[in-house]
């Protein structure tokens, strides 16, 4: 006997699973959404300004390290866009829109498939950039270099990783970079240490709550779950603030872009 799942039952399962990822429970979603919406809109705006700054000043800001920062910013902007314009409105409507079969399918595609794609792309970018920084010789053995840049040699990853073309520099520029290399390495290490710490502090509690709900073991109160859900939204904003703190060139150009936006408005 084949079991036919009704759209309402499928929506109920999606509601339960999605609330473990983004909020706490349907009864407390409306109270949690305004705070999360403010944080998500702020993160969406700041990440968008950083992306515009990179595009306008790509010759000045983009190198083999900041390309990873740009990739993370694009991922955060995509996540914020999905939360602001799709996930949060569904929660604010108390999940009634998910009873429709088409809306339910769109919700599943945008919240789950895109999330897995982001994780996959993030892994490939991290692998490509860390190999470029720590093992450039190994990267040359498994990569192809052309005018468009250096891509991973694996066929399924060749068009995914975002890289920068290798170019020779003058003797004066080479000496200048060689003298400043230790400080740049310490700065880059500090950036990723702060990003990792922010990931642990702001996202791991929400992951624990999600696992507890999936195992039917609600050890925490609803208010604490709402706080953990809000912390995960803050991660999109904190990452951008970390970039601007440790990268003075990016910070100054971002301030110029903000001033230009304010003047145009």
C-alpha atoms as a PDB file:
ATOM      1  CA  UNK A   1       0.000   0.000   0.000  1.00  0.00           C
ATOM      2  CA  UNK A   2       1.376   3.346  -1.002  1.00  0.00           C
ATOM      3  CA  UNK A   3       1.151   6.155   1.501  1.00  0.00           C
ATOM      4  CA  UNK A   4       0.081   9.461  -0.028  1.00  0.00           C
ATOM      5  CA  UNK A   5       1.248  12.508   1.892  1.00  0.00           C
ATOM      6  CA  UNK A   6      -1.199  15.397   1.886  1.00  0.00           C
ATOM      7  CA  UNK A   7       0.151  18.903   1.286  1.00  0.00           C
ATOM      8  CA  UNK A   8      -0.974  19.937   4.770  1.00  0.00           C
ATOM      9  CA  UNK A   9       0.994  17.100   6.373  1.00  0.00           C
ATOM     10  CA  UNK A  10       4.051  17.936   4.303  1.00  0.00           C
ATOM     11  CA  UNK A  11       3.736  21.566   5.304  1.00  0.00           C
ATOM     12  CA  UNK A  12       3.533  20.598   8.965  1.00  0.00           C
ATOM     13  CA  UNK A  13       6.797  18.658   8.694  1.00  0.00           C
ATOM     14  CA  UNK A  14       8.457  21.587   6.916  1.00  0.00           C
ATOM     15  CA  UNK A  15       7.173  23.962   9.581  1.00  0.00           C
ATOM     16  CA  UNK A  16       8.635  21.860  12.350  1.00  0.00           C
ATOM     17  CA  UNK A  17      12.012  21.433  10.674  1.00  0.00           C
ATOM     18  CA  UNK A  18      12.325  25.020   9.441  1.00  0.00           C
ATOM     19  CA  UNK A  19      11.530  26.467  12.850  1.00  0.00           C
ATOM     20  CA  UNK A  20      14.409  24.494  14.327  1.00  0.00           C
ATOM     21  CA  UNK A  21      16.743  26.210  11.862  1.00  0.00           C
ATOM     22  CA  UNK A  22      15.511  29.784  11.876  1.00  0.00           C
ATOM     23  CA  UNK A  23      13.265  30.328  14.909  1.00  0.00           C
ATOM     24  CA  UNK A  24      11.843  28.348  17.791  1.00  0.00           C
ATOM     25  CA  UNK A  25       8.176  27.405  17.534  1.00  0.00           C
ATOM     26  CA  UNK A  26       5.185  28.640  15.488  1.00  0.00           C
ATOM     27  CA  UNK A  27       3.531  30.168  18.555  1.00  0.00           C
ATOM     28  CA  UNK A  28       6.492  32.427  19.271  1.00  0.00           C
ATOM     29  CA  UNK A  29       7.508  33.240  15.698  1.00  0.00           C
ATOM     30  CA  UNK A  30       5.596  36.510  15.447  1.00  0.00           C
ATOM     31  CA  UNK A  31       7.283  37.867  18.571  1.00  0.00           C
ATOM     32  CA  UNK A  32      10.735  36.820  17.362  1.00  0.00           C
ATOM     33  CA  UNK A  33      10.439  38.042  13.748  1.00  0.00           C
ATOM     34  CA  UNK A  34      10.641  41.850  14.264  1.00  0.00           C
ATOM     35  CA  UNK A  35      14.018  41.722  16.027  1.00  0.00           C
ATOM     36  CA  UNK A  36      15.404  39.242  13.535  1.00  0.00           C
ATOM     37  CA  UNK A  37      14.040  41.271  10.634  1.00  0.00           C
ATOM     38  CA  UNK A  38      15.856  44.416  11.815  1.00  0.00           C
ATOM     39  CA  UNK A  39      19.145  42.528  12.183  1.00  0.00           C
ATOM     40  CA  UNK A  40      18.742  40.783   8.818  1.00  0.00           C
ATOM     41  CA  UNK A  41      17.965  44.036   6.983  1.00  0.00           C
ATOM     42  CA  UNK A  42      20.995  45.721   8.577  1.00  0.00           C
ATOM     43  CA  UNK A  43      23.220  42.784   7.598  1.00  0.00           C
ATOM     44  CA  UNK A  44      21.748  42.745   4.087  1.00  0.00           C
ATOM     45  CA  UNK A  45      22.493  46.452   3.634  1.00  0.00           C
ATOM     46  CA  UNK A  46      26.040  46.324   5.036  1.00  0.00           C
ATOM     47  CA  UNK A  47      27.010  43.228   3.050  1.00  0.00           C
ATOM     48  CA  UNK A  48      25.555  44.816  -0.076  1.00  0.00           C
ATOM     49  CA  UNK A  49      27.639  47.955   0.451  1.00  0.00           C
ATOM     50  CA  UNK A  50      30.779  45.838   0.878  1.00  0.00           C
ATOM     51  CA  UNK A  51      30.042  43.947  -2.349  1.00  0.00           C
ATOM     52  CA  UNK A  52      29.530  47.216  -4.241  1.00  0.00           C
ATOM     53  CA  UNK A  53      32.799  48.505  -2.777  1.00  0.00           C
ATOM     54  CA  UNK A  54      34.663  45.425  -4.004  1.00  0.00           C
ATOM     55  CA  UNK A  55      33.148  45.780  -7.473  1.00  0.00           C
ATOM     56  CA  UNK A  56      34.010  49.481  -7.760  1.00  0.00           C
ATOM     57  CA  UNK A  57      37.559  49.090  -6.376  1.00  0.00           C
ATOM     58  CA  UNK A  58      38.391  45.545  -7.459  1.00  0.00           C
ATOM     59  CA  UNK A  59      41.872  46.492  -8.716  1.00  0.00           C
ATOM     60  CA  UNK A  60      42.737  47.992  -5.330  1.00  0.00           C
ATOM     61  CA  UNK A  61      41.003  45.615  -2.917  1.00  0.00           C
ATOM     62  CA  UNK A  62      40.887  42.218  -4.610  1.00  0.00           C
ATOM     63  CA  UNK A  63      43.800  39.828  -4.052  1.00  0.00           C
ATOM     64  CA  UNK A  64      44.351  36.165  -3.236  1.00  0.00           C
ATOM     65  CA  UNK A  65      43.171  36.690   0.360  1.00  0.00           C
ATOM     66  CA  UNK A  66      40.352  39.231   0.085  1.00  0.00           C
ATOM     67  CA  UNK A  67      38.723  37.110  -2.618  1.00  0.00           C
ATOM     68  CA  UNK A  68      37.735  34.772   0.207  1.00  0.00           C
ATOM     69  CA  UNK A  69      36.322  37.729   2.145  1.00  0.00           C
ATOM     70  CA  UNK A  70      34.299  38.724  -0.919  1.00  0.00           C
ATOM     71  CA  UNK A  71      33.008  35.170  -1.284  1.00  0.00           C
ATOM     72  CA  UNK A  72      31.906  35.056   2.346  1.00  0.00           C
ATOM     73  CA  UNK A  73      30.208  38.434   1.936  1.00  0.00           C
ATOM     74  CA  UNK A  74      28.272  37.181  -1.093  1.00  0.00           C
ATOM     75  CA  UNK A  75      27.198  34.104   0.873  1.00  0.00           C
ATOM     76  CA  UNK A  76      26.042  36.251   3.799  1.00  0.00           C
ATOM     77  CA  UNK A  77      24.171  38.612   1.467  1.00  0.00           C
ATOM     78  CA  UNK A  78      22.424  35.686  -0.244  1.00  0.00           C
ATOM     79  CA  UNK A  79      21.434  34.225   3.119  1.00  0.00           C
ATOM     80  CA  UNK A  80      20.167  37.592   4.356  1.00  0.00           C
ATOM     81  CA  UNK A  81      18.154  38.116   1.159  1.00  0.00           C
ATOM     82  CA  UNK A  82      16.521  34.718   1.566  1.00  0.00           C
ATOM     83  CA  UNK A  83      15.700  35.397   5.226  1.00  0.00           C
ATOM     84  CA  UNK A  84      14.329  38.917   4.672  1.00  0.00           C
ATOM     85  CA  UNK A  85      12.235  38.339   1.557  1.00  0.00           C
ATOM     86  CA  UNK A  86      11.104  34.728   1.943  1.00  0.00           C
ATOM     87  CA  UNK A  87      11.647  32.992   5.279  1.00  0.00           C
ATOM     88  CA  UNK A  88      10.619  35.824   7.611  1.00  0.00           C
ATOM     89  CA  UNK A  89       7.410  36.680   5.682  1.00  0.00           C
ATOM     90  CA  UNK A  90       6.369  33.016   5.822  1.00  0.00           C
ATOM     91  CA  UNK A  91       6.936  33.005   9.574  1.00  0.00           C
ATOM     92  CA  UNK A  92       5.091  36.306  10.011  1.00  0.00           C
ATOM     93  CA  UNK A  93       2.076  34.817   8.219  1.00  0.00           C
ATOM     94  CA  UNK A  94       2.101  31.999  10.798  1.00  0.00           C
ATOM     95  CA  UNK A  95       3.040  29.464   8.099  1.00  0.00           C
ATOM     96  CA  UNK A  96      -0.378  29.636   6.374  1.00  0.00           C
ATOM     97  CA  UNK A  97       1.237  30.143   2.962  1.00  0.00           C
ATOM     98  CA  UNK A  98       2.999  26.779   3.244  1.00  0.00           C
ATOM     99  CA  UNK A  99      -0.335  24.945   2.966  1.00  0.00           C
ATOM    100  CA  UNK A 100      -0.227  25.692  -0.749  1.00  0.00           C
ATOM    101  CA  UNK A 101       1.619  23.022  -2.720  1.00  0.00           C
ATOM    102  CA  UNK A 102       3.555  25.476  -4.914  1.00  0.00           C
ATOM    103  CA  UNK A 103       4.593  27.679  -1.996  1.00  0.00           C
ATOM    104  CA  UNK A 104       5.642  24.607  -0.057  1.00  0.00           C
ATOM    105  CA  UNK A 105       7.846  23.425  -2.943  1.00  0.00           C
ATOM    106  CA  UNK A 106       9.382  26.892  -3.376  1.00  0.00           C
ATOM    107  CA  UNK A 107      10.078  27.130   0.345  1.00  0.00           C
ATOM    108  CA  UNK A 108      11.831  23.773   0.325  1.00  0.00           C
ATOM    109  CA  UNK A 109      13.931  24.717  -2.692  1.00  0.00           C
ATOM    110  CA  UNK A 110      15.012  28.110  -1.399  1.00  0.00           C
ATOM    111  CA  UNK A 111      15.684  27.173   2.215  1.00  0.00           C
ATOM    112  CA  UNK A 112      17.235  23.746   1.818  1.00  0.00           C
ATOM    113  CA  UNK A 113      18.724  23.368  -1.666  1.00  0.00           C
ATOM    114  CA  UNK A 114      20.275  26.836  -1.630  1.00  0.00           C
ATOM    115  CA  UNK A 115      21.606  26.228   1.880  1.00  0.00           C
ATOM    116  CA  UNK A 116      23.366  23.039   0.778  1.00  0.00           C
ATOM    117  CA  UNK A 117      24.742  24.794  -2.325  1.00  0.00           C
ATOM    118  CA  UNK A 118      26.117  27.595  -0.153  1.00  0.00           C
ATOM    119  CA  UNK A 119      27.878  25.096   2.101  1.00  0.00           C
ATOM    120  CA  UNK A 120      29.357  23.273  -0.900  1.00  0.00           C
ATOM    121  CA  UNK A 121      30.595  26.464  -2.561  1.00  0.00           C
ATOM    122  CA  UNK A 122      31.954  27.698   0.769  1.00  0.00           C
ATOM    123  CA  UNK A 123      33.969  24.491   1.201  1.00  0.00           C
ATOM    124  CA  UNK A 124      35.446  24.699  -2.306  1.00  0.00           C
ATOM    125  CA  UNK A 125      36.392  28.364  -1.866  1.00  0.00           C
ATOM    126  CA  UNK A 126      38.005  27.669   1.509  1.00  0.00           C
ATOM    127  CA  UNK A 127      39.988  24.769   0.068  1.00  0.00           C
ATOM    128  CA  UNK A 128      41.158  26.792  -2.934  1.00  0.00           C
ATOM    129  CA  UNK A 129      42.185  29.874  -0.921  1.00  0.00           C
ATOM    130  CA  UNK A 130      43.894  28.017   1.909  1.00  0.00           C
ATOM    131  CA  UNK A 131      45.907  26.018  -0.620  1.00  0.00           C
ATOM    132  CA  UNK A 132      46.888  29.293  -2.300  1.00  0.00           C
ATOM    133  CA  UNK A 133      48.064  30.708   1.024  1.00  0.00           C
ATOM    134  CA  UNK A 134      49.651  27.680   2.691  1.00  0.00           C
ATOM    135  CA  UNK A 135      50.622  25.351  -0.150  1.00  0.00           C
ATOM    136  CA  UNK A 136      50.953  27.277  -3.437  1.00  0.00           C
ATOM    137  CA  UNK A 137      53.127  24.552  -4.968  1.00  0.00           C
ATOM    138  CA  UNK A 138      50.439  21.921  -4.350  1.00  0.00           C
ATOM    139  CA  UNK A 139      47.834  24.270  -5.792  1.00  0.00           C
ATOM    140  CA  UNK A 140      49.830  24.612  -9.017  1.00  0.00           C
ATOM    141  CA  UNK A 141      49.947  20.822  -9.370  1.00  0.00           C
ATOM    142  CA  UNK A 142      46.141  20.528  -9.198  1.00  0.00           C
ATOM    143  CA  UNK A 143      45.097  23.755 -10.919  1.00  0.00           C
ATOM    144  CA  UNK A 144      45.058  25.464 -14.270  1.00  0.00           C
ATOM    145  CA  UNK A 145      46.199  29.062 -14.709  1.00  0.00           C
ATOM    146  CA  UNK A 146      44.845  31.239 -17.488  1.00  0.00           C
ATOM    147  CA  UNK A 147      43.768  34.830 -18.012  1.00  0.00           C
ATOM    148  CA  UNK A 148      40.588  34.334 -15.986  1.00  0.00           C
ATOM    149  CA  UNK A 149      42.359  32.959 -12.931  1.00  0.00           C
ATOM    150  CA  UNK A 150      43.277  29.762 -11.150  1.00  0.00           C
ATOM    151  CA  UNK A 151      40.575  27.102 -10.863  1.00  0.00           C
ATOM    152  CA  UNK A 152      40.484  23.779  -9.081  1.00  0.00           C
ATOM    153  CA  UNK A 153      41.565  20.915 -11.307  1.00  0.00           C
ATOM    154  CA  UNK A 154      38.615  18.710 -10.399  1.00  0.00           C
ATOM    155  CA  UNK A 155      35.969  18.829 -13.111  1.00  0.00           C
ATOM    156  CA  UNK A 156      32.988  19.268 -10.807  1.00  0.00           C
ATOM    157  CA  UNK A 157      34.697  22.179  -9.031  1.00  0.00           C
ATOM    158  CA  UNK A 158      36.326  23.904 -11.985  1.00  0.00           C
ATOM    159  CA  UNK A 159      33.622  26.563 -12.430  1.00  0.00           C
ATOM    160  CA  UNK A 160      32.764  26.930  -8.742  1.00  0.00           C
ATOM    161  CA  UNK A 161      35.849  28.310  -7.027  1.00  0.00           C
ATOM    162  CA  UNK A 162      36.480  32.034  -7.338  1.00  0.00           C
ATOM    163  CA  UNK A 163      40.138  32.860  -7.784  1.00  0.00           C
ATOM    164  CA  UNK A 164      42.493  35.611  -8.902  1.00  0.00           C
ATOM    165  CA  UNK A 165      44.923  35.404 -11.808  1.00  0.00           C
ATOM    166  CA  UNK A 166      48.585  35.090 -10.924  1.00  0.00           C
ATOM    167  CA  UNK A 167      50.580  38.106 -12.134  1.00  0.00           C
ATOM    168  CA  UNK A 168      54.213  39.126 -11.802  1.00  0.00           C
ATOM    169  CA  UNK A 169      54.998  42.289  -9.861  1.00  0.00           C
ATOM    170  CA  UNK A 170      57.883  44.720 -10.060  1.00  0.00           C
ATOM    171  CA  UNK A 171      60.973  44.537  -7.887  1.00  0.00           C
ATOM    172  CA  UNK A 172      59.986  47.504  -5.687  1.00  0.00           C
ATOM    173  CA  UNK A 173      56.489  46.166  -5.144  1.00  0.00           C
ATOM    174  CA  UNK A 174      57.866  42.704  -4.403  1.00  0.00           C
ATOM    175  CA  UNK A 175      60.228  44.061  -1.734  1.00  0.00           C
ATOM    176  CA  UNK A 176      57.424  46.068  -0.165  1.00  0.00           C
ATOM    177  CA  UNK A 177      55.186  43.010   0.013  1.00  0.00           C
ATOM    178  CA  UNK A 178      58.047  40.912   1.351  1.00  0.00           C
ATOM    179  CA  UNK A 179      58.661  43.317   4.239  1.00  0.00           C
ATOM    180  CA  UNK A 180      54.983  43.500   5.160  1.00  0.00           C
ATOM    181  CA  UNK A 181      54.282  39.769   4.791  1.00  0.00           C
ATOM    182  CA  UNK A 182      54.625  38.798   8.507  1.00  0.00           C
ATOM    183  CA  UNK A 183      52.175  41.494   9.624  1.00  0.00           C
ATOM    184  CA  UNK A 184      49.749  40.550   6.851  1.00  0.00           C
ATOM    185  CA  UNK A 185      49.924  36.899   7.857  1.00  0.00           C
ATOM    186  CA  UNK A 186      49.208  37.780  11.486  1.00  0.00           C
ATOM    187  CA  UNK A 187      46.290  39.974  10.430  1.00  0.00           C
ATOM    188  CA  UNK A 188      44.810  37.285   8.194  1.00  0.00           C
ATOM    189  CA  UNK A 189      45.179  34.707  10.953  1.00  0.00           C
ATOM    190  CA  UNK A 190      43.430  37.032  13.393  1.00  0.00           C
ATOM    191  CA  UNK A 191      40.562  37.599  10.949  1.00  0.00           C
ATOM    192  CA  UNK A 192      39.844  33.906  10.583  1.00  0.00           C
ATOM    193  CA  UNK A 193      40.256  33.342  14.317  1.00  0.00           C
ATOM    194  CA  UNK A 194      37.608  36.000  14.988  1.00  0.00           C
ATOM    195  CA  UNK A 195      35.333  34.568  12.292  1.00  0.00           C
ATOM    196  CA  UNK A 196      35.644  31.090  13.783  1.00  0.00           C
ATOM    197  CA  UNK A 197      34.969  32.391  17.295  1.00  0.00           C
ATOM    198  CA  UNK A 198      31.910  34.296  16.081  1.00  0.00           C
ATOM    199  CA  UNK A 199      30.670  31.164  14.320  1.00  0.00           C
ATOM    200  CA  UNK A 200      31.012  29.129  17.521  1.00  0.00           C
ATOM    201  CA  UNK A 201      29.410  31.708  19.808  1.00  0.00           C
ATOM    202  CA  UNK A 202      26.531  32.782  17.563  1.00  0.00           C
ATOM    203  CA  UNK A 203      25.608  29.651  15.614  1.00  0.00           C
ATOM    204  CA  UNK A 204      26.453  26.585  17.698  1.00  0.00           C
ATOM    205  CA  UNK A 205      23.771  27.298  20.378  1.00  0.00           C
ATOM    206  CA  UNK A 206      21.096  27.447  17.668  1.00  0.00           C
ATOM    207  CA  UNK A 207      22.375  24.165  16.228  1.00  0.00           C
ATOM    208  CA  UNK A 208      22.104  22.503  19.644  1.00  0.00           C
ATOM    209  CA  UNK A 209      18.531  23.765  19.988  1.00  0.00           C
ATOM    210  CA  UNK A 210      17.670  22.422  16.521  1.00  0.00           C
ATOM    211  CA  UNK A 211      19.051  18.983  17.384  1.00  0.00           C
ATOM    212  CA  UNK A 212      17.125  18.962  20.658  1.00  0.00           C
ATOM    213  CA  UNK A 213      13.863  19.757  18.883  1.00  0.00           C
ATOM    214  CA  UNK A 214      14.453  17.095  16.241  1.00  0.00           C
ATOM    215  CA  UNK A 215      15.034  14.558  19.037  1.00  0.00           C
ATOM    216  CA  UNK A 216      11.892  15.714  20.889  1.00  0.00           C
ATOM    217  CA  UNK A 217      14.005  16.864  23.819  1.00  0.00           C
ATOM    218  CA  UNK A 218      13.160  20.541  24.446  1.00  0.00           C
ATOM    219  CA  UNK A 219      15.575  21.241  27.294  1.00  0.00           C
ATOM    220  CA  UNK A 220      15.314  25.012  26.959  1.00  0.00           C
ATOM    221  CA  UNK A 221      12.525  27.498  27.334  1.00  0.00           C
ATOM    222  CA  UNK A 222      10.933  29.278  24.397  1.00  0.00           C
ATOM    223  CA  UNK A 223      12.497  32.644  25.278  1.00  0.00           C
ATOM    224  CA  UNK A 224      15.981  31.133  25.262  1.00  0.00           C
ATOM    225  CA  UNK A 225      15.287  29.543  21.889  1.00  0.00           C
ATOM    226  CA  UNK A 226      14.276  32.945  20.524  1.00  0.00           C
ATOM    227  CA  UNK A 227      17.537  34.439  21.797  1.00  0.00           C
ATOM    228  CA  UNK A 228      19.555  31.683  20.117  1.00  0.00           C
ATOM    229  CA  UNK A 229      17.662  32.249  16.862  1.00  0.00           C
ATOM    230  CA  UNK A 230      18.458  35.960  17.066  1.00  0.00           C
ATOM    231  CA  UNK A 231      22.148  35.182  17.669  1.00  0.00           C
ATOM    232  CA  UNK A 232      22.309  33.209  14.433  1.00  0.00           C
ATOM    233  CA  UNK A 233      20.967  36.269  12.575  1.00  0.00           C
ATOM    234  CA  UNK A 234      23.597  38.476  14.218  1.00  0.00           C
ATOM    235  CA  UNK A 235      26.282  36.299  12.624  1.00  0.00           C
ATOM    236  CA  UNK A 236      25.537  37.834   9.203  1.00  0.00           C
ATOM    237  CA  UNK A 237      26.210  41.303  10.612  1.00  0.00           C
ATOM    238  CA  UNK A 238      29.170  40.460  12.855  1.00  0.00           C
ATOM    239  CA  UNK A 239      31.126  38.918   9.970  1.00  0.00           C
ATOM    240  CA  UNK A 240      30.975  42.196   8.052  1.00  0.00           C
ATOM    241  CA  UNK A 241      32.089  44.176  11.093  1.00  0.00           C
ATOM    242  CA  UNK A 242      35.093  41.853  11.485  1.00  0.00           C
ATOM    243  CA  UNK A 243      36.113  42.448   7.858  1.00  0.00           C
ATOM    244  CA  UNK A 244      35.896  46.213   8.282  1.00  0.00           C
ATOM    245  CA  UNK A 245      37.839  46.112  11.559  1.00  0.00           C
ATOM    246  CA  UNK A 246      40.892  44.253  10.251  1.00  0.00           C
ATOM    247  CA  UNK A 247      40.999  45.543   6.653  1.00  0.00           C
ATOM    248  CA  UNK A 248      41.659  49.325   6.705  1.00  0.00           C
ATOM    249  CA  UNK A 249      41.583  49.722   2.912  1.00  0.00           C
ATOM    250  CA  UNK A 250      38.213  48.012   2.702  1.00  0.00           C
ATOM    251  CA  UNK A 251      36.944  50.088   5.626  1.00  0.00           C
ATOM    252  CA  UNK A 252      37.939  53.413   4.076  1.00  0.00           C
ATOM    253  CA  UNK A 253      36.482  52.532   0.673  1.00  0.00           C
ATOM    254  CA  UNK A 254      33.265  51.274   2.298  1.00  0.00           C
ATOM    255  CA  UNK A 255      32.893  54.566   4.165  1.00  0.00           C
ATOM    256  CA  UNK A 256      33.293  56.414   0.861  1.00  0.00           C
ATOM    257  CA  UNK A 257      30.605  54.231  -0.708  1.00  0.00           C
ATOM    258  CA  UNK A 258      28.258  54.899   2.214  1.00  0.00           C
ATOM    259  CA  UNK A 259      28.818  58.647   1.938  1.00  0.00           C
ATOM    260  CA  UNK A 260      28.129  58.481  -1.784  1.00  0.00           C
ATOM    261  CA  UNK A 261      24.891  56.583  -1.157  1.00  0.00           C
ATOM    262  CA  UNK A 262      23.808  59.133   1.462  1.00  0.00           C
ATOM    263  CA  UNK A 263      24.585  62.048  -0.855  1.00  0.00           C
ATOM    264  CA  UNK A 264      22.630  60.456  -3.711  1.00  0.00           C
ATOM    265  CA  UNK A 265      19.662  59.854  -1.429  1.00  0.00           C
END
